[in-house]
Amino acid sequence: MTYRLSISPTGSDDPDLDRSLVAAVERVRVDLAAGDLACLTVAGDGAELVVLQDEAERIAAGADDVLVLGIGGSSLAAQTLVALAPGQRGPVRQHLFDNIDPQTWADMLGGLQPERTHVLAVSKSGGTAETLCQTLLAVDWLTAAGCTLSEHLTVISEPGPRPLRDFAEAAGARVLDHAPDIGGRFSALSLAGLLPALLAGLDASAVRQGAVAVIDGLLRDGLQSPVALGARSLVGHERRGIAVQVVMPYADRLGALARWWSQIWGESLGKDGKGSTPFAATGVTDQHSQLQLWCDGPKRHMVTVLGVAPDGVGPVMTTDHDALGYLDGRTMGDLLGAEREATCESLIAAGVPVRRFMVDRVDERALGALFAHFMLETILVAHMMGVDPFGQPAVEVGKQRARDKLKAMG
């Protein structure tokens, strides 16, 4: 297994919890067999990777920089994957812009040359206002420099009449199809996540291989798979009053994964008065801002810690000061690992439920496995709670209100 998962005991036997888990696992098994969970079954599509590699080479051939536009699920998985390539080891430098702050936008464009920049705009629906805003402004920037959009703009959107797609096609830009049956926040294993990964010089096949290993594990081991055991622990603890789910990676390269998970969890489960609040924390940083509350405040939190082994990496500290002797001869990784384990022990001693994921290394296969685990786990939890994991009706209401306010400006 690419990762190892240990879980705090859920408590006493709960027959109702077990029945709901059995039903949820069977439903997911049936859906996977029928091809109804395209966000996961896409991991087995090797032919698509050949096409994506060609697209990555096309984009990189004419650019030094790629500006990736999107928000939420259309950006977070790409951010998570690109974080694996420190120093931009791929053929181009990537700049992932996932907000609409005018100052940040100006600062970013100020460091780029339009003639050597390719813009990749991603919106599954093709109607996301923020991505439309980003794209319109990027197109103005490109055309002002005399750039041809057929050579400098690529759009990813689902087929059919879509504002972003229609705009791109009219401009002569390259348009790639986003699968209609894969939602934005579940698109990590699709071209939305893997095209930026390829541009970063990563092994997209290894990402999918890691995901397939987790999917196969659920199909093979059923209720005893890490995914099923994880879902049972989450629902079981929430039935006992847990209202905040924390994911806390002790590796900076997994920070974006925690933010990606936060959207998957919150947007998939927060419905019909149900759900819990996701909190993406950072180890060790948030020990100094949150640990006091988690240990000594209301018992509302469950903490999932993501760690990397072995710990003994990094520069070695040397000192002859007696007060600093416990650091002498230790590496930075030793301190990181000691703090991670001490935090877990402190939380458990305080009665806070803890889960620990350990990976041997942060690489493409590990990320693919974690993507698949958290997607499957969230889907199982949704079925156990009785909510639809794939809609987001409250978000759509907010989007419409924002459009109405813009129209009212006259």
Protein backbone atom coordinates (compact mmCIF):
# COMPACT_ATOMS: atom_id res chain seq x y z
CA MET A 1 0.00 0.00 0.00
CA THR A 2 1.29 3.47 -0.90
CA TYR A 3 0.21 4.83 2.49
CA ARG A 4 -0.46 3.42 5.95
CA LEU A 5 -3.47 4.47 8.00
CA SER A 6 -3.95 4.14 11.75
CA ILE A 7 -7.19 5.25 13.41
CA SER A 8 -8.30 6.04 16.96
CA PRO A 9 -10.95 3.57 18.20
CA THR A 10 -14.47 4.70 17.32
CA GLY A 11 -15.93 3.45 20.58
CA SER A 12 -18.59 0.87 21.32
CA ASP A 13 -20.13 -1.34 18.64
CA ASP A 14 -22.76 0.43 16.58
CA PRO A 15 -24.87 -1.97 14.49
CA ASP A 16 -26.59 0.89 12.68
CA LEU A 17 -23.22 2.38 11.74
CA ASP A 18 -22.05 -0.98 10.45
CA ARG A 19 -25.22 -1.49 8.40
CA SER A 20 -24.88 1.93 6.80
CA LEU A 21 -21.24 1.22 5.94
CA VAL A 22 -22.13 -2.14 4.35
CA ALA A 23 -24.76 -0.45 2.19
CA ALA A 24 -22.43 2.41 1.23
CA VAL A 25 -19.56 0.12 0.24
CA GLU A 26 -21.87 -2.05 -1.84
CA ARG A 27 -23.30 1.01 -3.58
CA VAL A 28 -19.83 2.27 -4.47
CA ARG A 29 -18.81 -1.18 -5.70
CA VAL A 30 -21.85 -1.32 -7.99
CA ASP A 31 -21.23 2.23 -9.24
CA LEU A 32 -17.58 1.49 -9.99
CA ALA A 33 -18.49 -1.68 -11.87
CA ALA A 34 -21.08 0.22 -13.90
CA GLY A 35 -18.65 3.03 -14.70
CA ASP A 36 -20.85 5.54 -12.89
CA LEU A 37 -17.99 7.03 -10.86
CA ALA A 38 -16.05 8.51 -13.77
CA CYS A 39 -13.96 10.63 -11.40
CA LEU A 40 -12.32 7.38 -10.29
CA THR A 41 -12.67 5.00 -13.24
CA VAL A 42 -10.87 7.57 -15.43
CA ALA A 43 -7.71 6.41 -13.65
CA GLY A 44 -7.76 3.31 -15.85
CA ASP A 45 -7.81 5.26 -19.14
CA GLY A 46 -4.27 4.96 -20.46
CA ALA A 47 -5.15 6.19 -23.94
CA GLU A 48 -6.11 9.63 -22.60
CA LEU A 49 -2.64 10.09 -21.11
CA VAL A 50 -1.09 9.81 -24.58
CA VAL A 51 -3.33 12.61 -25.80
CA LEU A 52 -2.57 14.75 -22.74
CA GLN A 53 1.17 14.29 -23.25
CA ASP A 54 0.79 15.57 -26.81
CA GLU A 55 -1.16 18.59 -25.53
CA ALA A 56 1.50 19.33 -22.92
CA GLU A 57 4.22 19.20 -25.56
CA ARG A 58 2.21 21.49 -27.84
CA ILE A 59 1.78 24.08 -25.08
CA ALA A 60 5.39 23.90 -23.92
CA ALA A 61 6.79 24.20 -27.44
CA GLY A 62 5.82 27.85 -27.69
CA ALA A 63 6.09 29.05 -24.10
CA ASP A 64 8.43 29.64 -21.21
CA ASP A 65 5.55 30.30 -18.79
CA VAL A 66 2.04 28.87 -18.49
CA LEU A 67 -0.64 30.86 -16.69
CA VAL A 68 -3.22 28.39 -15.33
CA LEU A 69 -6.58 30.02 -14.62
CA GLY A 70 -9.37 28.48 -12.55
CA ILE A 71 -10.85 28.36 -9.08
CA GLY A 72 -11.85 25.70 -6.58
CA GLY A 73 -11.86 22.19 -7.97
CA SER A 74 -10.53 23.41 -11.31
CA SER A 75 -7.34 24.60 -9.62
CA LEU A 76 -6.73 22.88 -6.28
CA ALA A 77 -5.76 19.46 -7.64
CA ALA A 78 -3.38 21.07 -10.12
CA GLN A 79 -1.84 23.10 -7.29
CA THR A 80 -1.41 19.91 -5.26
CA LEU A 81 0.37 18.12 -8.09
CA VAL A 82 2.54 21.03 -9.22
CA ALA A 83 3.75 21.39 -5.61
CA LEU A 84 5.63 18.11 -6.18
CA ALA A 85 7.94 19.88 -8.62
CA PRO A 86 9.86 22.47 -6.60
CA GLY A 87 11.93 24.74 -8.77
CA GLN A 88 9.62 24.06 -11.73
CA ARG A 89 11.52 21.05 -13.08
CA GLY A 90 9.19 20.78 -16.09
CA PRO A 91 9.58 22.33 -19.53
CA VAL A 92 7.79 25.53 -18.48
CA ARG A 93 7.21 27.63 -15.39
CA GLN A 94 3.61 27.48 -14.17
CA HIS A 95 1.67 30.20 -12.41
CA LEU A 96 -1.64 29.03 -10.95
CA PHE A 97 -4.00 31.92 -10.36
CA ASP A 98 -7.13 30.93 -8.40
CA ASN A 99 -8.58 34.22 -7.20
CA ILE A 100 -9.63 37.61 -8.53
CA ASP A 101 -7.58 40.02 -6.43
CA PRO A 102 -6.67 42.86 -8.84
CA GLN A 103 -3.33 43.62 -7.16
CA THR A 104 -2.17 40.00 -7.26
CA TRP A 105 -3.21 39.82 -10.91
CA ALA A 106 -1.23 42.94 -11.80
CA ASP A 107 1.83 41.74 -9.89
CA MET A 108 1.75 38.38 -11.63
CA LEU A 109 1.36 39.71 -15.16
CA GLY A 110 4.11 42.22 -14.47
CA GLY A 111 6.59 39.37 -14.26
CA LEU A 112 5.53 37.63 -17.48
CA GLN A 113 6.18 38.24 -21.17
CA PRO A 114 2.96 37.66 -23.15
CA GLU A 115 4.89 36.55 -26.24
CA ARG A 116 6.33 33.61 -24.25
CA THR A 117 3.26 32.85 -22.12
CA HIS A 118 0.50 30.31 -22.74
CA VAL A 119 -2.81 30.68 -20.90
CA LEU A 120 -4.65 27.54 -19.77
CA ALA A 121 -8.19 28.32 -18.53
CA VAL A 122 -10.10 25.56 -16.73
CA SER A 123 -13.82 25.60 -15.92
CA LYS A 124 -15.89 22.44 -16.09
CA SER A 125 -19.18 24.36 -16.37
CA GLY A 126 -17.71 27.05 -18.57
CA GLY A 127 -19.76 29.59 -16.65
CA THR A 128 -17.68 30.28 -13.55
CA ALA A 129 -17.60 34.07 -13.26
CA GLU A 130 -14.14 34.21 -11.70
CA THR A 131 -12.57 32.11 -14.45
CA LEU A 132 -14.39 34.10 -17.13
CA CYS A 133 -13.02 37.29 -15.57
CA GLN A 134 -9.48 35.91 -15.50
CA THR A 135 -9.73 34.69 -19.09
CA LEU A 136 -11.13 37.91 -20.50
CA LEU A 137 -8.36 39.92 -18.86
CA ALA A 138 -5.69 37.46 -19.98
CA VAL A 139 -6.97 37.62 -23.56
CA ASP A 140 -6.84 41.43 -23.49
CA TRP A 141 -3.26 41.20 -22.22
CA LEU A 142 -2.27 38.75 -24.96
CA THR A 143 -3.96 40.56 -27.83
CA ALA A 144 -2.52 43.91 -26.74
CA ALA A 145 0.91 42.35 -27.28
CA GLY A 146 -0.08 41.05 -30.72
CA CYS A 147 -0.31 37.40 -29.65
CA THR A 148 -2.46 34.98 -31.65
CA LEU A 149 -4.97 33.23 -29.40
CA SER A 150 -4.77 30.01 -31.41
CA GLU A 151 -1.17 29.75 -30.23
CA HIS A 152 -1.45 31.24 -26.74
CA LEU A 153 -4.79 30.10 -25.27
CA THR A 154 -6.13 26.65 -24.33
CA VAL A 155 -9.48 26.14 -22.61
CA ILE A 156 -10.80 23.09 -20.76
CA SER A 157 -14.61 22.96 -20.51
CA GLU A 158 -17.34 20.38 -20.93
CA PRO A 159 -18.99 20.01 -24.36
CA GLY A 160 -22.07 21.96 -25.34
CA PRO A 161 -23.02 25.63 -25.29
CA ARG A 162 -20.86 27.10 -22.52
CA PRO A 163 -19.83 30.76 -22.18
CA LEU A 164 -16.11 30.03 -21.82
CA ARG A 165 -16.12 27.37 -24.52
CA ASP A 166 -18.11 29.51 -26.94
CA PHE A 167 -15.77 32.46 -26.36
CA ALA A 168 -12.66 30.33 -26.91
CA GLU A 169 -13.98 28.68 -30.06
CA ALA A 170 -14.95 32.05 -31.54
CA ALA A 171 -11.43 33.31 -30.81
CA GLY A 172 -9.84 30.31 -32.51
CA ALA A 173 -8.30 28.96 -29.31
CA ARG A 174 -7.64 25.31 -28.59
CA VAL A 175 -10.54 23.72 -26.63
CA LEU A 176 -10.26 20.43 -24.71
CA ASP A 177 -13.25 18.48 -23.44
CA HIS A 178 -13.81 18.20 -19.70
CA ALA A 179 -15.78 15.01 -19.03
CA PRO A 180 -19.41 15.99 -18.31
CA ASP A 181 -19.75 13.27 -15.67
CA ILE A 182 -16.76 14.43 -13.60
CA GLY A 183 -17.45 17.35 -11.27
CA GLY A 184 -14.85 20.05 -10.80
CA ARG A 185 -13.88 19.14 -7.24
CA PHE A 186 -13.63 15.47 -8.24
CA SER A 187 -11.44 16.15 -11.31
CA ALA A 188 -7.99 15.49 -9.80
CA LEU A 189 -7.39 12.36 -11.89
CA SER A 190 -8.71 13.93 -15.11
CA LEU A 191 -7.08 16.34 -17.55
CA ALA A 192 -7.85 19.28 -15.21
CA GLY A 193 -5.27 17.97 -12.76
CA LEU A 194 -3.01 15.95 -15.02
CA LEU A 195 -2.32 18.43 -17.83
CA PRO A 196 -0.69 20.88 -15.38
CA ALA A 197 1.11 17.89 -13.84
CA LEU A 198 2.59 16.95 -17.20
CA LEU A 199 3.63 20.55 -17.80
CA ALA A 200 5.45 20.35 -14.46
CA GLY A 201 7.40 17.33 -15.68
CA LEU A 202 5.52 14.87 -13.47
CA ASP A 203 4.57 11.26 -14.20
CA ALA A 204 0.80 11.37 -14.75
CA SER A 205 0.68 7.61 -15.20
CA ALA A 206 2.07 7.12 -11.68
CA VAL A 207 -0.64 9.41 -10.29
CA ARG A 208 -3.30 7.19 -11.80
CA GLN A 209 -1.51 4.01 -10.75
CA GLY A 210 -1.62 5.17 -7.13
CA ALA A 211 -5.33 5.83 -7.46
CA VAL A 212 -6.02 2.45 -9.06
CA ALA A 213 -4.25 0.70 -6.17
CA VAL A 214 -6.66 2.31 -3.70
CA ILE A 215 -9.74 1.58 -5.82
CA ASP A 216 -8.66 -2.04 -6.22
CA GLY A 217 -8.07 -2.22 -2.47
CA LEU A 218 -11.65 -1.19 -1.75
CA LEU A 219 -13.01 -3.69 -4.27
CA ARG A 220 -10.82 -6.45 -2.89
CA ASP A 221 -10.95 -5.82 0.87
CA GLY A 222 -14.37 -4.21 1.19
CA LEU A 223 -15.21 -3.33 4.80
CA GLN A 224 -11.61 -3.94 5.89
CA SER A 225 -10.07 -1.58 3.33
CA PRO A 226 -8.49 1.65 4.62
CA VAL A 227 -11.14 3.65 2.75
CA ALA A 228 -14.05 1.84 4.43
CA LEU A 229 -12.42 1.86 7.87
CA GLY A 230 -11.73 5.56 7.46
CA ALA A 231 -15.32 6.35 6.52
CA ARG A 232 -16.61 4.35 9.49
CA SER A 233 -14.35 6.22 11.90
CA LEU A 234 -15.37 9.63 10.55
CA VAL A 235 -19.11 8.97 10.71
CA GLY A 236 -18.83 7.18 14.04
CA HIS A 237 -17.01 10.06 15.71
CA GLU A 238 -19.35 12.65 14.19
CA ARG A 239 -22.30 10.76 15.67
CA ARG A 240 -20.56 11.29 19.02
CA GLY A 241 -20.36 15.06 18.61
CA ILE A 242 -17.37 15.79 16.37
CA ALA A 243 -18.19 18.91 14.36
CA VAL A 244 -14.79 19.91 12.92
CA GLN A 245 -12.61 17.65 10.77
CA VAL A 246 -8.96 18.69 10.63
CA VAL A 247 -6.41 17.50 8.08
CA MET A 248 -2.88 18.44 9.15
CA PRO A 249 0.04 17.52 6.87
CA TYR A 250 3.55 17.52 8.28
CA ALA A 251 5.06 18.18 4.84
CA ASP A 252 4.80 21.51 3.06
CA ARG A 253 4.32 19.75 -0.28
CA LEU A 254 1.06 18.30 1.07
CA GLY A 255 -0.34 21.68 2.12
CA ALA A 256 -2.26 22.09 -1.14
CA LEU A 257 -3.66 18.57 -0.71
CA ALA A 258 -5.23 19.63 2.58
CA ARG A 259 -6.87 22.62 0.87
CA TRP A 260 -8.10 20.35 -1.95
CA TRP A 261 -9.55 17.95 0.64
CA SER A 262 -11.25 20.86 2.42
CA GLN A 263 -13.35 21.62 -0.66
CA ILE A 264 -14.16 17.96 -1.31
CA TRP A 265 -15.31 17.49 2.28
CA GLY A 266 -17.21 20.74 2.79
CA GLU A 267 -18.94 21.03 -0.57
CA SER A 268 -19.84 17.34 -0.85
CA LEU A 269 -21.25 16.80 2.65
CA GLY A 270 -22.59 20.15 3.86
CA LYS A 271 -26.24 19.62 2.91
CA ASP A 272 -29.66 19.27 4.50
CA GLY A 273 -28.38 20.52 7.85
CA LYS A 274 -25.70 17.82 7.90
CA GLY A 275 -21.94 17.80 7.59
CA SER A 276 -18.94 19.01 9.55
CA THR A 277 -16.53 21.90 9.12
CA PRO A 278 -13.28 21.07 7.30
CA PHE A 279 -10.10 22.74 8.52
CA ALA A 280 -6.86 22.51 6.55
CA ALA A 281 -4.08 22.93 9.11
CA THR A 282 -0.29 22.95 8.79
CA GLY A 283 2.10 20.93 10.89
CA VAL A 284 4.08 22.13 12.79
CA THR A 285 2.90 25.72 12.39
CA ASP A 286 -0.62 25.26 13.69
CA GLN A 287 0.59 23.54 16.84
CA HIS A 288 1.30 27.10 17.94
CA SER A 289 -2.18 28.40 17.11
CA GLN A 290 -4.66 25.51 17.36
CA LEU A 291 -3.31 22.71 19.56
CA GLN A 292 -4.33 24.44 22.79
CA LEU A 293 -7.94 24.66 21.58
CA TRP A 294 -8.04 21.11 20.28
CA CYS A 295 -6.65 19.61 23.49
CA ASP A 296 -8.21 21.85 26.14
CA GLY A 297 -11.25 23.37 24.44
CA PRO A 298 -14.60 21.84 23.48
CA LYS A 299 -14.21 18.28 22.27
CA ARG A 300 -15.49 19.00 18.76
CA HIS A 301 -12.41 18.18 16.66
CA MET A 302 -11.09 15.08 14.94
CA VAL A 303 -7.55 15.37 13.55
CA THR A 304 -6.10 13.56 10.55
CA VAL A 305 -2.30 13.83 10.46
CA LEU A 306 -0.36 13.28 7.23
CA GLY A 307 3.29 12.35 7.74
CA VAL A 308 6.27 11.30 5.70
CA ALA A 309 8.79 8.64 6.76
CA PRO A 310 11.68 8.36 7.33
CA ASP A 311 12.06 11.49 9.42
CA GLY A 312 15.86 11.66 9.72
CA VAL A 313 16.49 13.91 6.74
CA GLY A 314 17.69 17.46 6.34
CA PRO A 315 20.64 19.36 7.78
CA VAL A 316 22.14 18.30 11.10
CA MET A 317 22.16 20.69 14.05
CA THR A 318 25.35 21.03 16.09
CA THR A 319 25.78 22.85 19.40
CA ASP A 320 27.85 22.65 22.57
CA HIS A 321 25.35 24.60 24.69
CA ASP A 322 23.94 22.41 27.47
CA ALA A 323 20.46 23.92 27.18
CA LEU A 324 20.35 22.96 23.50
CA GLY A 325 21.82 19.51 23.93
CA TYR A 326 18.61 17.71 22.96
CA LEU A 327 19.04 19.19 19.47
CA ASP A 328 22.72 18.31 19.02
CA GLY A 329 23.24 15.74 16.28
CA ARG A 330 19.60 15.76 15.27
CA THR A 331 18.31 16.65 11.82
CA MET A 332 15.53 19.04 10.96
CA GLY A 333 13.52 15.98 9.93
CA ASP A 334 14.11 14.42 13.35
CA LEU A 335 12.54 17.47 14.99
CA LEU A 336 9.63 17.46 12.55
CA GLY A 337 8.93 13.79 13.22
CA ALA A 338 9.24 14.16 16.98
CA GLU A 339 6.80 17.07 16.98
CA ARG A 340 4.36 15.16 14.79
CA GLU A 341 4.33 12.15 17.08
CA ALA A 342 4.22 14.27 20.23
CA THR A 343 1.23 16.15 18.83
CA CYS A 344 -0.61 12.91 18.08
CA GLU A 345 0.12 11.58 21.56
CA SER A 346 -1.00 14.85 23.19
CA LEU A 347 -4.26 14.84 21.24
CA ILE A 348 -5.01 11.21 22.08
CA ALA A 349 -4.21 11.81 25.76
CA ALA A 350 -6.69 14.72 25.71
CA GLY A 351 -9.42 12.50 24.28
CA VAL A 352 -9.23 13.88 20.73
CA PRO A 353 -9.72 11.24 18.00
CA VAL A 354 -6.70 11.03 15.69
CA ARG A 355 -5.98 9.36 12.35
CA ARG A 356 -2.44 9.03 10.99
CA PHE A 357 -1.53 8.60 7.32
CA MET A 358 2.12 7.78 6.68
CA VAL A 359 3.77 7.72 3.27
CA ASP A 360 7.37 6.71 2.56
CA ARG A 361 7.79 9.57 0.13
CA VAL A 362 5.71 12.37 -1.36
CA ASP A 363 5.56 11.47 -5.03
CA GLU A 364 3.07 11.07 -7.86
CA ARG A 365 1.94 7.60 -6.82
CA ALA A 366 1.37 8.67 -3.22
CA LEU A 367 -0.67 11.69 -4.29
CA GLY A 368 -2.78 9.58 -6.63
CA ALA A 369 -3.47 7.19 -3.77
CA LEU A 370 -4.41 10.01 -1.41
CA PHE A 371 -6.64 11.65 -4.03
CA ALA A 372 -8.51 8.37 -4.51
CA HIS A 373 -8.70 7.64 -0.79
CA PHE A 374 -10.22 10.99 0.11
CA MET A 375 -12.64 10.96 -2.83
CA LEU A 376 -13.86 7.45 -2.05
CA GLU A 377 -13.99 8.15 1.67
CA THR A 378 -16.07 11.28 1.12
CA ILE A 379 -18.48 9.44 -1.19
CA LEU A 380 -18.91 6.65 1.36
CA VAL A 381 -19.53 9.15 4.17
CA ALA A 382 -22.12 10.95 2.01
CA HIS A 383 -24.00 7.70 1.40
CA MET A 384 -23.87 6.87 5.12
CA MET A 385 -25.25 10.34 5.93
CA GLY A 386 -27.91 10.20 3.23
CA VAL A 387 -26.74 13.17 1.14
CA ASP A 388 -25.75 13.53 -2.52
CA PRO A 389 -21.96 14.04 -2.67
CA PHE A 390 -21.99 15.49 -6.17
CA GLY A 391 -24.28 18.54 -6.03
CA GLN A 392 -23.70 22.01 -4.56
CA PRO A 393 -27.07 23.82 -4.65
CA ALA A 394 -26.14 26.47 -2.07
CA VAL A 395 -23.06 27.46 -4.08
CA GLU A 396 -25.16 27.93 -7.22
CA VAL A 397 -27.48 30.30 -5.32
CA GLY A 398 -24.49 32.43 -4.34
CA LYS A 399 -23.20 32.53 -7.91
CA GLN A 400 -26.56 33.74 -9.20
CA ARG A 401 -26.72 36.48 -6.58
CA ALA A 402 -23.27 37.71 -7.61
CA ARG A 403 -24.36 37.84 -11.26
CA ASP A 404 -27.50 39.76 -10.28
CA LYS A 405 -25.44 42.33 -8.39
CA LEU A 406 -23.19 42.90 -11.40
CA LYS A 407 -26.21 43.36 -13.68
CA ALA A 408 -27.69 45.85 -11.23
CA MET A 409 -24.64 48.10 -11.57
CA GLY A 410 -26.03 49.27 -14.90
